[in-house]
């Protein structure tokens, strides 16, 4: 993720959880946390336990998050947020807990033609992890039109600039899906798997070669031993765990989006 993408993601995260964005500047922003989000992120269990026992006035924290130090005043104090930082990882995990699945409706200005239809799209965002003695993660976002069956990649970015709301807007109505969401999830799962089945898998072949080289060294080290001991089998298993190529797919989040026909 680029720093601007991180900035935009954080703004949406806090707004979606009813936090007030006090300042939103290039390179940093200030957010006033709600009680719930203070408990979620700031690790102050004793503070909140004390307030609950004494009936004191809650004072959730106001936090400054710096997403680009090059664009901020030198004397600005706050948390530096970048890809891989503990705070961003914490917020990613929080997103999984709080918003693993959402339902949103596109909201457009009323027009003279009366009511407008909203088409159901099922979205799934997944992380594909290529693992051996090295690791690479790829994020995939796909959307399925539950009426036409059309599947679009990069779905998350396609809808970022749409105006959406959790309640169905006035002057709109939703179209009933012809593909049930459970069936839609199976279609997306099949599509996602096929997208990387045809990829270049030389990374796996190279990992197996490195695995074989180290395995030969292990065998050479123990070749004079008539009966292999427990240490040999432990080291052999460790090599398998280290080098064996694997592809893991994990769902980050998903949602049902009701969009106008020309939204994407």
C-alpha atoms as a PDB file:
ATOM      1  CA  UNK A   1       0.000   0.000   0.000  1.00  0.00           C
ATOM      2  CA  UNK A   2       1.168   3.522  -0.789  1.00  0.00           C
ATOM      3  CA  UNK A   3       1.070   6.149   1.973  1.00  0.00           C
ATOM      4  CA  UNK A   4      -1.876   7.982   0.401  1.00  0.00           C
ATOM      5  CA  UNK A   5      -3.795   4.706   0.229  1.00  0.00           C
ATOM      6  CA  UNK A   6      -3.054   4.128   3.907  1.00  0.00           C
ATOM      7  CA  UNK A   7      -4.245   7.653   4.703  1.00  0.00           C
ATOM      8  CA  UNK A   8      -7.511   7.158   2.790  1.00  0.00           C
ATOM      9  CA  UNK A   9      -8.064   3.728   4.336  1.00  0.00           C
ATOM     10  CA  UNK A  10      -7.617   5.071   7.876  1.00  0.00           C
ATOM     11  CA  UNK A  11     -10.009   7.968   7.265  1.00  0.00           C
ATOM     12  CA  UNK A  12     -12.681   5.564   6.014  1.00  0.00           C
ATOM     13  CA  UNK A  13     -12.004   3.188   8.906  1.00  0.00           C
ATOM     14  CA  UNK A  14     -12.544   5.835  11.575  1.00  0.00           C
ATOM     15  CA  UNK A  15     -15.512   7.437   9.835  1.00  0.00           C
ATOM     16  CA  UNK A  16     -17.160   4.045   9.434  1.00  0.00           C
ATOM     17  CA  UNK A  17     -16.815   3.574  13.187  1.00  0.00           C
ATOM     18  CA  UNK A  18     -18.424   6.949  14.000  1.00  0.00           C
ATOM     19  CA  UNK A  19     -15.217   8.757  14.950  1.00  0.00           C
ATOM     20  CA  UNK A  20     -14.944  12.493  14.239  1.00  0.00           C
ATOM     21  CA  UNK A  21     -12.096  13.520  11.938  1.00  0.00           C
ATOM     22  CA  UNK A  22     -11.041  16.769  13.633  1.00  0.00           C
ATOM     23  CA  UNK A  23      -8.348  17.624  11.056  1.00  0.00           C
ATOM     24  CA  UNK A  24      -7.586  16.009   7.709  1.00  0.00           C
ATOM     25  CA  UNK A  25      -4.432  17.376   6.146  1.00  0.00           C
ATOM     26  CA  UNK A  26      -1.945  16.157   3.569  1.00  0.00           C
ATOM     27  CA  UNK A  27       0.302  13.720   5.410  1.00  0.00           C
ATOM     28  CA  UNK A  28      -1.578  13.529   8.709  1.00  0.00           C
ATOM     29  CA  UNK A  29      -4.973  13.702  10.376  1.00  0.00           C
ATOM     30  CA  UNK A  30      -6.426  14.075  13.858  1.00  0.00           C
ATOM     31  CA  UNK A  31      -9.253  11.801  14.985  1.00  0.00           C
ATOM     32  CA  UNK A  32     -11.435  11.951  18.077  1.00  0.00           C
ATOM     33  CA  UNK A  33     -12.084   8.379  19.159  1.00  0.00           C
ATOM     34  CA  UNK A  34     -15.419   7.191  20.475  1.00  0.00           C
ATOM     35  CA  UNK A  35     -15.534   5.242  23.723  1.00  0.00           C
ATOM     36  CA  UNK A  36     -15.880   2.011  21.769  1.00  0.00           C
ATOM     37  CA  UNK A  37     -12.906   2.748  19.503  1.00  0.00           C
ATOM     38  CA  UNK A  38     -10.740   3.869  22.430  1.00  0.00           C
ATOM     39  CA  UNK A  39     -11.406   0.483  24.018  1.00  0.00           C
ATOM     40  CA  UNK A  40     -10.750  -1.230  20.690  1.00  0.00           C
ATOM     41  CA  UNK A  41      -7.390   0.403  19.932  1.00  0.00           C
ATOM     42  CA  UNK A  42      -5.765   2.219  22.825  1.00  0.00           C
ATOM     43  CA  UNK A  43      -5.174  -0.631  25.294  1.00  0.00           C
ATOM     44  CA  UNK A  44      -6.441   1.153  28.422  1.00  0.00           C
ATOM     45  CA  UNK A  45      -8.426  -1.599  30.196  1.00  0.00           C
ATOM     46  CA  UNK A  46      -7.590  -0.371  33.694  1.00  0.00           C
ATOM     47  CA  UNK A  47      -8.718   3.184  32.849  1.00  0.00           C
ATOM     48  CA  UNK A  48     -12.094   2.007  31.557  1.00  0.00           C
ATOM     49  CA  UNK A  49     -12.516  -0.480  34.411  1.00  0.00           C
ATOM     50  CA  UNK A  50     -11.879   2.333  36.908  1.00  0.00           C
ATOM     51  CA  UNK A  51     -14.448   4.601  35.232  1.00  0.00           C
ATOM     52  CA  UNK A  52     -17.055   1.871  35.195  1.00  0.00           C
ATOM     53  CA  UNK A  53     -16.498   1.242  38.904  1.00  0.00           C
ATOM     54  CA  UNK A  54     -16.521   4.918  39.924  1.00  0.00           C
ATOM     55  CA  UNK A  55     -19.017   6.277  37.413  1.00  0.00           C
ATOM     56  CA  UNK A  56     -16.522   8.880  36.222  1.00  0.00           C
ATOM     57  CA  UNK A  57     -16.794  11.001  33.066  1.00  0.00           C
ATOM     58  CA  UNK A  58     -15.300   9.111  30.105  1.00  0.00           C
ATOM     59  CA  UNK A  59     -12.583  10.861  28.121  1.00  0.00           C
ATOM     60  CA  UNK A  60     -11.746   8.917  24.960  1.00  0.00           C
ATOM     61  CA  UNK A  61      -8.446   9.865  23.368  1.00  0.00           C
ATOM     62  CA  UNK A  62      -7.820  12.231  20.477  1.00  0.00           C
ATOM     63  CA  UNK A  63      -5.084  10.799  18.245  1.00  0.00           C
ATOM     64  CA  UNK A  64      -2.833  12.326  15.595  1.00  0.00           C
ATOM     65  CA  UNK A  65      -1.767   9.887  12.895  1.00  0.00           C
ATOM     66  CA  UNK A  66       1.095  10.798  10.550  1.00  0.00           C
ATOM     67  CA  UNK A  67       0.913   9.073   7.180  1.00  0.00           C
ATOM     68  CA  UNK A  68       3.660  11.039   5.408  1.00  0.00           C
ATOM     69  CA  UNK A  69       6.375  12.716   7.484  1.00  0.00           C
ATOM     70  CA  UNK A  70       7.666  14.636   4.452  1.00  0.00           C
ATOM     71  CA  UNK A  71       4.420  16.619   4.309  1.00  0.00           C
ATOM     72  CA  UNK A  72       3.995  17.416   8.001  1.00  0.00           C
ATOM     73  CA  UNK A  73       5.362  20.175  10.269  1.00  0.00           C
ATOM     74  CA  UNK A  74       8.618  19.202  11.983  1.00  0.00           C
ATOM     75  CA  UNK A  75       7.204  19.813  15.468  1.00  0.00           C
ATOM     76  CA  UNK A  76       4.060  17.731  14.900  1.00  0.00           C
ATOM     77  CA  UNK A  77       3.684  14.951  17.440  1.00  0.00           C
ATOM     78  CA  UNK A  78       1.775  11.826  16.580  1.00  0.00           C
ATOM     79  CA  UNK A  79       1.971   8.193  15.510  1.00  0.00           C
ATOM     80  CA  UNK A  80       3.880   7.375  12.321  1.00  0.00           C
ATOM     81  CA  UNK A  81       1.773   4.959  10.306  1.00  0.00           C
ATOM     82  CA  UNK A  82       3.225   2.930   7.449  1.00  0.00           C
ATOM     83  CA  UNK A  83       2.697  -0.477   5.908  1.00  0.00           C
ATOM     84  CA  UNK A  84       3.961  -3.025   8.429  1.00  0.00           C
ATOM     85  CA  UNK A  85       3.697  -0.723  11.452  1.00  0.00           C
ATOM     86  CA  UNK A  86       2.151  -2.305  14.563  1.00  0.00           C
ATOM     87  CA  UNK A  87      -0.695   0.223  14.681  1.00  0.00           C
ATOM     88  CA  UNK A  88      -1.705  -0.386  11.071  1.00  0.00           C
ATOM     89  CA  UNK A  89      -1.560  -4.143  11.638  1.00  0.00           C
ATOM     90  CA  UNK A  90      -3.777  -3.671  14.706  1.00  0.00           C
ATOM     91  CA  UNK A  91      -6.293  -1.694  12.649  1.00  0.00           C
ATOM     92  CA  UNK A  92      -6.281  -4.353   9.927  1.00  0.00           C
ATOM     93  CA  UNK A  93      -7.139  -6.938  12.572  1.00  0.00           C
ATOM     94  CA  UNK A  94      -9.778  -4.629  14.016  1.00  0.00           C
ATOM     95  CA  UNK A  95     -11.307  -4.257  10.561  1.00  0.00           C
ATOM     96  CA  UNK A  96     -11.649  -8.024  10.321  1.00  0.00           C
ATOM     97  CA  UNK A  97     -13.504  -8.123  13.645  1.00  0.00           C
ATOM     98  CA  UNK A  98     -15.689  -5.063  13.175  1.00  0.00           C
ATOM     99  CA  UNK A  99     -16.413  -5.118   9.467  1.00  0.00           C
ATOM    100  CA  UNK A 100     -15.838  -8.588   8.085  1.00  0.00           C
ATOM    101  CA  UNK A 101     -19.019  -8.135   6.068  1.00  0.00           C
ATOM    102  CA  UNK A 102     -20.978  -4.979   5.206  1.00  0.00           C
ATOM    103  CA  UNK A 103     -24.028  -4.018   3.179  1.00  0.00           C
ATOM    104  CA  UNK A 104     -24.079  -0.626   1.485  1.00  0.00           C
ATOM    105  CA  UNK A 105     -26.285   1.194  -1.012  1.00  0.00           C
ATOM    106  CA  UNK A 106     -25.190   3.702  -3.615  1.00  0.00           C
ATOM    107  CA  UNK A 107     -26.763   7.075  -2.988  1.00  0.00           C
ATOM    108  CA  UNK A 108     -27.197   9.458  -5.917  1.00  0.00           C
ATOM    109  CA  UNK A 109     -29.080  12.713  -6.306  1.00  0.00           C
ATOM    110  CA  UNK A 110     -32.771  12.290  -7.104  1.00  0.00           C
ATOM    111  CA  UNK A 111     -33.665  12.809 -10.743  1.00  0.00           C
ATOM    112  CA  UNK A 112     -36.837  13.511 -12.660  1.00  0.00           C
ATOM    113  CA  UNK A 113     -37.232   9.909 -13.810  1.00  0.00           C
ATOM    114  CA  UNK A 114     -38.554   8.808 -10.415  1.00  0.00           C
ATOM    115  CA  UNK A 115     -37.132   5.786  -8.647  1.00  0.00           C
ATOM    116  CA  UNK A 116     -33.908   4.151  -9.793  1.00  0.00           C
ATOM    117  CA  UNK A 117     -32.900   0.465  -9.451  1.00  0.00           C
ATOM    118  CA  UNK A 118     -29.887  -0.786  -7.538  1.00  0.00           C
ATOM    119  CA  UNK A 119     -28.096  -3.916  -8.737  1.00  0.00           C
ATOM    120  CA  UNK A 120     -26.677  -6.363  -6.138  1.00  0.00           C
ATOM    121  CA  UNK A 121     -22.911  -6.956  -6.255  1.00  0.00           C
ATOM    122  CA  UNK A 122     -21.162  -9.431  -3.974  1.00  0.00           C
ATOM    123  CA  UNK A 123     -17.600  -8.393  -3.143  1.00  0.00           C
ATOM    124  CA  UNK A 124     -14.832 -10.465  -1.619  1.00  0.00           C
ATOM    125  CA  UNK A 125     -11.368  -9.232  -0.650  1.00  0.00           C
ATOM    126  CA  UNK A 126      -8.810 -11.975  -0.075  1.00  0.00           C
ATOM    127  CA  UNK A 127      -5.124 -12.343   0.685  1.00  0.00           C
ATOM    128  CA  UNK A 128      -3.203 -14.946  -1.296  1.00  0.00           C
ATOM    129  CA  UNK A 129       0.022 -15.941   0.488  1.00  0.00           C
ATOM    130  CA  UNK A 130       2.798 -17.705  -1.409  1.00  0.00           C
ATOM    131  CA  UNK A 131       4.941 -19.451   1.202  1.00  0.00           C
ATOM    132  CA  UNK A 132       8.179 -21.408   1.166  1.00  0.00           C
ATOM    133  CA  UNK A 133      11.457 -20.267   2.743  1.00  0.00           C
ATOM    134  CA  UNK A 134      10.349 -16.899   1.363  1.00  0.00           C
ATOM    135  CA  UNK A 135       6.948 -15.263   1.418  1.00  0.00           C
ATOM    136  CA  UNK A 136       4.872 -13.026  -0.805  1.00  0.00           C
ATOM    137  CA  UNK A 137       1.345 -11.739  -0.197  1.00  0.00           C
ATOM    138  CA  UNK A 138      -1.024 -10.633  -2.946  1.00  0.00           C
ATOM    139  CA  UNK A 139      -4.364  -8.948  -2.276  1.00  0.00           C
ATOM    140  CA  UNK A 140      -7.240  -9.636  -4.659  1.00  0.00           C
ATOM    141  CA  UNK A 141     -10.594  -7.857  -4.743  1.00  0.00           C
ATOM    142  CA  UNK A 142     -13.362  -9.293  -6.930  1.00  0.00           C
ATOM    143  CA  UNK A 143     -17.025  -8.449  -7.350  1.00  0.00           C
ATOM    144  CA  UNK A 144     -19.863 -10.571  -8.724  1.00  0.00           C
ATOM    145  CA  UNK A 145     -23.065  -9.130 -10.173  1.00  0.00           C
ATOM    146  CA  UNK A 146     -25.733 -11.326  -8.593  1.00  0.00           C
ATOM    147  CA  UNK A 147     -28.077 -10.780 -11.555  1.00  0.00           C
ATOM    148  CA  UNK A 148     -25.874 -11.037 -14.648  1.00  0.00           C
ATOM    149  CA  UNK A 149     -23.064 -13.208 -13.220  1.00  0.00           C
ATOM    150  CA  UNK A 150     -20.422 -10.730 -14.389  1.00  0.00           C
ATOM    151  CA  UNK A 151     -17.191 -10.802 -12.353  1.00  0.00           C
ATOM    152  CA  UNK A 152     -14.932  -7.749 -12.085  1.00  0.00           C
ATOM    153  CA  UNK A 153     -11.425  -7.577 -10.639  1.00  0.00           C
ATOM    154  CA  UNK A 154     -10.047  -4.659  -8.614  1.00  0.00           C
ATOM    155  CA  UNK A 155     -13.564  -4.199  -7.284  1.00  0.00           C
ATOM    156  CA  UNK A 156     -12.587  -2.379  -4.107  1.00  0.00           C
ATOM    157  CA  UNK A 157     -10.833   0.417  -5.986  1.00  0.00           C
ATOM    158  CA  UNK A 158     -13.685   0.678  -8.481  1.00  0.00           C
ATOM    159  CA  UNK A 159     -16.170   1.641  -5.772  1.00  0.00           C
ATOM    160  CA  UNK A 160     -13.932   3.793  -3.540  1.00  0.00           C
ATOM    161  CA  UNK A 161     -15.237   7.070  -4.947  1.00  0.00           C
ATOM    162  CA  UNK A 162     -18.916   6.125  -4.886  1.00  0.00           C
ATOM    163  CA  UNK A 163     -21.225   7.763  -2.384  1.00  0.00           C
ATOM    164  CA  UNK A 164     -22.675   4.908  -0.332  1.00  0.00           C
ATOM    165  CA  UNK A 165     -24.885   4.638   2.726  1.00  0.00           C
ATOM    166  CA  UNK A 166     -25.874   1.775   5.075  1.00  0.00           C
ATOM    167  CA  UNK A 167     -29.581   2.568   4.528  1.00  0.00           C
ATOM    168  CA  UNK A 168     -31.401   2.282   1.244  1.00  0.00           C
ATOM    169  CA  UNK A 169     -31.744   5.823  -0.157  1.00  0.00           C
ATOM    170  CA  UNK A 170     -35.004   7.513  -1.043  1.00  0.00           C
ATOM    171  CA  UNK A 171     -36.136   7.179  -4.652  1.00  0.00           C
ATOM    172  CA  UNK A 172     -34.333   3.847  -5.059  1.00  0.00           C
ATOM    173  CA  UNK A 173     -35.235   0.176  -4.928  1.00  0.00           C
ATOM    174  CA  UNK A 174     -33.157  -2.997  -4.923  1.00  0.00           C
ATOM    175  CA  UNK A 175     -33.331  -5.722  -7.543  1.00  0.00           C
ATOM    176  CA  UNK A 176     -33.660  -9.267  -6.245  1.00  0.00           C
ATOM    177  CA  UNK A 177     -30.601 -11.419  -6.984  1.00  0.00           C
ATOM    178  CA  UNK A 178     -30.880 -14.307  -9.408  1.00  0.00           C
ATOM    179  CA  UNK A 179     -27.717 -15.795  -7.898  1.00  0.00           C
ATOM    180  CA  UNK A 180     -27.932 -16.456  -4.182  1.00  0.00           C
ATOM    181  CA  UNK A 181     -25.032 -15.075  -2.098  1.00  0.00           C
ATOM    182  CA  UNK A 182     -23.945 -18.561  -0.969  1.00  0.00           C
ATOM    183  CA  UNK A 183     -23.683 -19.658  -4.594  1.00  0.00           C
ATOM    184  CA  UNK A 184     -21.981 -16.362  -5.429  1.00  0.00           C
ATOM    185  CA  UNK A 185     -19.266 -17.009  -2.829  1.00  0.00           C
ATOM    186  CA  UNK A 186     -18.557 -20.373  -4.450  1.00  0.00           C
ATOM    187  CA  UNK A 187     -18.249 -18.697  -7.857  1.00  0.00           C
ATOM    188  CA  UNK A 188     -15.833 -16.097  -6.485  1.00  0.00           C
ATOM    189  CA  UNK A 189     -13.783 -18.766  -4.735  1.00  0.00           C
ATOM    190  CA  UNK A 190     -13.462 -20.715  -7.998  1.00  0.00           C
ATOM    191  CA  UNK A 191     -12.560 -17.552  -9.915  1.00  0.00           C
ATOM    192  CA  UNK A 192      -9.908 -16.507  -7.399  1.00  0.00           C
ATOM    193  CA  UNK A 193      -8.264 -19.932  -7.451  1.00  0.00           C
ATOM    194  CA  UNK A 194      -8.143 -19.945 -11.234  1.00  0.00           C
ATOM    195  CA  UNK A 195      -6.484 -16.522 -11.330  1.00  0.00           C
ATOM    196  CA  UNK A 196      -3.271 -17.833  -9.778  1.00  0.00           C
ATOM    197  CA  UNK A 197      -3.345 -21.434 -11.025  1.00  0.00           C
ATOM    198  CA  UNK A 198      -1.917 -20.235 -14.344  1.00  0.00           C
ATOM    199  CA  UNK A 199       0.714 -18.019 -12.725  1.00  0.00           C
ATOM    200  CA  UNK A 200       4.452 -18.561 -13.036  1.00  0.00           C
ATOM    201  CA  UNK A 201       5.267 -21.146 -10.356  1.00  0.00           C
ATOM    202  CA  UNK A 202       9.026 -21.066 -10.814  1.00  0.00           C
ATOM    203  CA  UNK A 203       9.228 -19.754  -7.237  1.00  0.00           C
ATOM    204  CA  UNK A 204       7.966 -23.157  -6.030  1.00  0.00           C
ATOM    205  CA  UNK A 205      10.357 -25.080  -8.273  1.00  0.00           C
ATOM    206  CA  UNK A 206      13.305 -23.025  -7.007  1.00  0.00           C
ATOM    207  CA  UNK A 207      12.215 -23.614  -3.411  1.00  0.00           C
ATOM    208  CA  UNK A 208      12.140 -27.372  -4.018  1.00  0.00           C
ATOM    209  CA  UNK A 209      15.677 -27.186  -5.448  1.00  0.00           C
ATOM    210  CA  UNK A 210      16.912 -25.344  -2.332  1.00  0.00           C
ATOM    211  CA  UNK A 211      15.072 -27.882  -0.206  1.00  0.00           C
ATOM    212  CA  UNK A 212      16.735 -30.767  -2.073  1.00  0.00           C
ATOM    213  CA  UNK A 213      20.197 -29.209  -1.697  1.00  0.00           C
ATOM    214  CA  UNK A 214      19.818 -28.837   2.062  1.00  0.00           C
ATOM    215  CA  UNK A 215      18.338 -32.328   2.289  1.00  0.00           C
ATOM    216  CA  UNK A 216      21.419 -33.751   0.554  1.00  0.00           C
ATOM    217  CA  UNK A 217      23.641 -31.951   3.059  1.00  0.00           C
ATOM    218  CA  UNK A 218      21.594 -33.436   5.883  1.00  0.00           C
ATOM    219  CA  UNK A 219      21.866 -36.937   4.437  1.00  0.00           C
ATOM    220  CA  UNK A 220      25.614 -36.506   3.963  1.00  0.00           C
ATOM    221  CA  UNK A 221      26.016 -35.420   7.576  1.00  0.00           C
ATOM    222  CA  UNK A 222      24.198 -38.530   8.849  1.00  0.00           C
ATOM    223  CA  UNK A 223      25.371 -41.015   6.188  1.00  0.00           C
ATOM    224  CA  UNK A 224      27.700 -42.883   8.529  1.00  0.00           C
ATOM    225  CA  UNK A 225      24.953 -43.399  11.053  1.00  0.00           C
ATOM    226  CA  UNK A 226      23.474 -46.884  10.650  1.00  0.00           C
ATOM    227  CA  UNK A 227      20.219 -46.017  12.352  1.00  0.00           C
ATOM    228  CA  UNK A 228      18.894 -42.466  12.137  1.00  0.00           C
ATOM    229  CA  UNK A 229      18.145 -40.880  15.505  1.00  0.00           C
ATOM    230  CA  UNK A 230      15.409 -38.473  16.559  1.00  0.00           C
ATOM    231  CA  UNK A 231      17.535 -35.426  15.772  1.00  0.00           C
ATOM    232  CA  UNK A 232      17.815 -36.497  12.135  1.00  0.00           C
ATOM    233  CA  UNK A 233      14.059 -36.773  11.720  1.00  0.00           C
ATOM    234  CA  UNK A 234      13.501 -33.475  13.548  1.00  0.00           C
ATOM    235  CA  UNK A 235      15.910 -31.651  11.225  1.00  0.00           C
ATOM    236  CA  UNK A 236      14.398 -33.322   8.175  1.00  0.00           C
ATOM    237  CA  UNK A 237      10.924 -32.215   9.209  1.00  0.00           C
ATOM    238  CA  UNK A 238      12.250 -28.697   9.845  1.00  0.00           C
ATOM    239  CA  UNK A 239      13.507 -28.556   6.256  1.00  0.00           C
ATOM    240  CA  UNK A 240      10.114 -29.618   4.966  1.00  0.00           C
ATOM    241  CA  UNK A 241       8.369 -26.930   7.037  1.00  0.00           C
ATOM    242  CA  UNK A 242      10.834 -24.314   5.819  1.00  0.00           C
ATOM    243  CA  UNK A 243      10.903 -25.057   2.090  1.00  0.00           C
ATOM    244  CA  UNK A 244       7.660 -26.823   1.135  1.00  0.00           C
ATOM    245  CA  UNK A 245       5.769 -24.533  -1.286  1.00  0.00           C
ATOM    246  CA  UNK A 246       2.265 -23.597  -0.175  1.00  0.00           C
ATOM    247  CA  UNK A 247      -0.438 -21.208  -1.316  1.00  0.00           C
ATOM    248  CA  UNK A 248      -2.824 -20.052   1.405  1.00  0.00           C
ATOM    249  CA  UNK A 249      -5.991 -18.076   0.768  1.00  0.00           C
ATOM    250  CA  UNK A 250      -7.581 -16.061   3.582  1.00  0.00           C
ATOM    251  CA  UNK A 251     -10.643 -13.870   3.366  1.00  0.00           C
ATOM    252  CA  UNK A 252     -10.003 -10.317   4.578  1.00  0.00           C
ATOM    253  CA  UNK A 253     -13.577  -9.048   4.315  1.00  0.00           C
ATOM    254  CA  UNK A 254     -16.508  -8.797   1.963  1.00  0.00           C
ATOM    255  CA  UNK A 255     -19.785  -7.083   1.359  1.00  0.00           C
ATOM    256  CA  UNK A 256     -23.016  -6.777  -0.542  1.00  0.00           C
ATOM    257  CA  UNK A 257     -23.204  -3.557  -2.540  1.00  0.00           C
ATOM    258  CA  UNK A 258     -26.344  -2.295  -4.244  1.00  0.00           C
ATOM    259  CA  UNK A 259     -25.165  -0.098  -7.100  1.00  0.00           C
ATOM    260  CA  UNK A 260     -26.679   1.792 -10.005  1.00  0.00           C
ATOM    261  CA  UNK A 261     -26.286   0.288 -13.452  1.00  0.00           C
ATOM    262  CA  UNK A 262     -23.583   2.753 -14.518  1.00  0.00           C
ATOM    263  CA  UNK A 263     -21.671   2.838 -11.226  1.00  0.00           C
ATOM    264  CA  UNK A 264     -18.807   0.650 -12.492  1.00  0.00           C
END
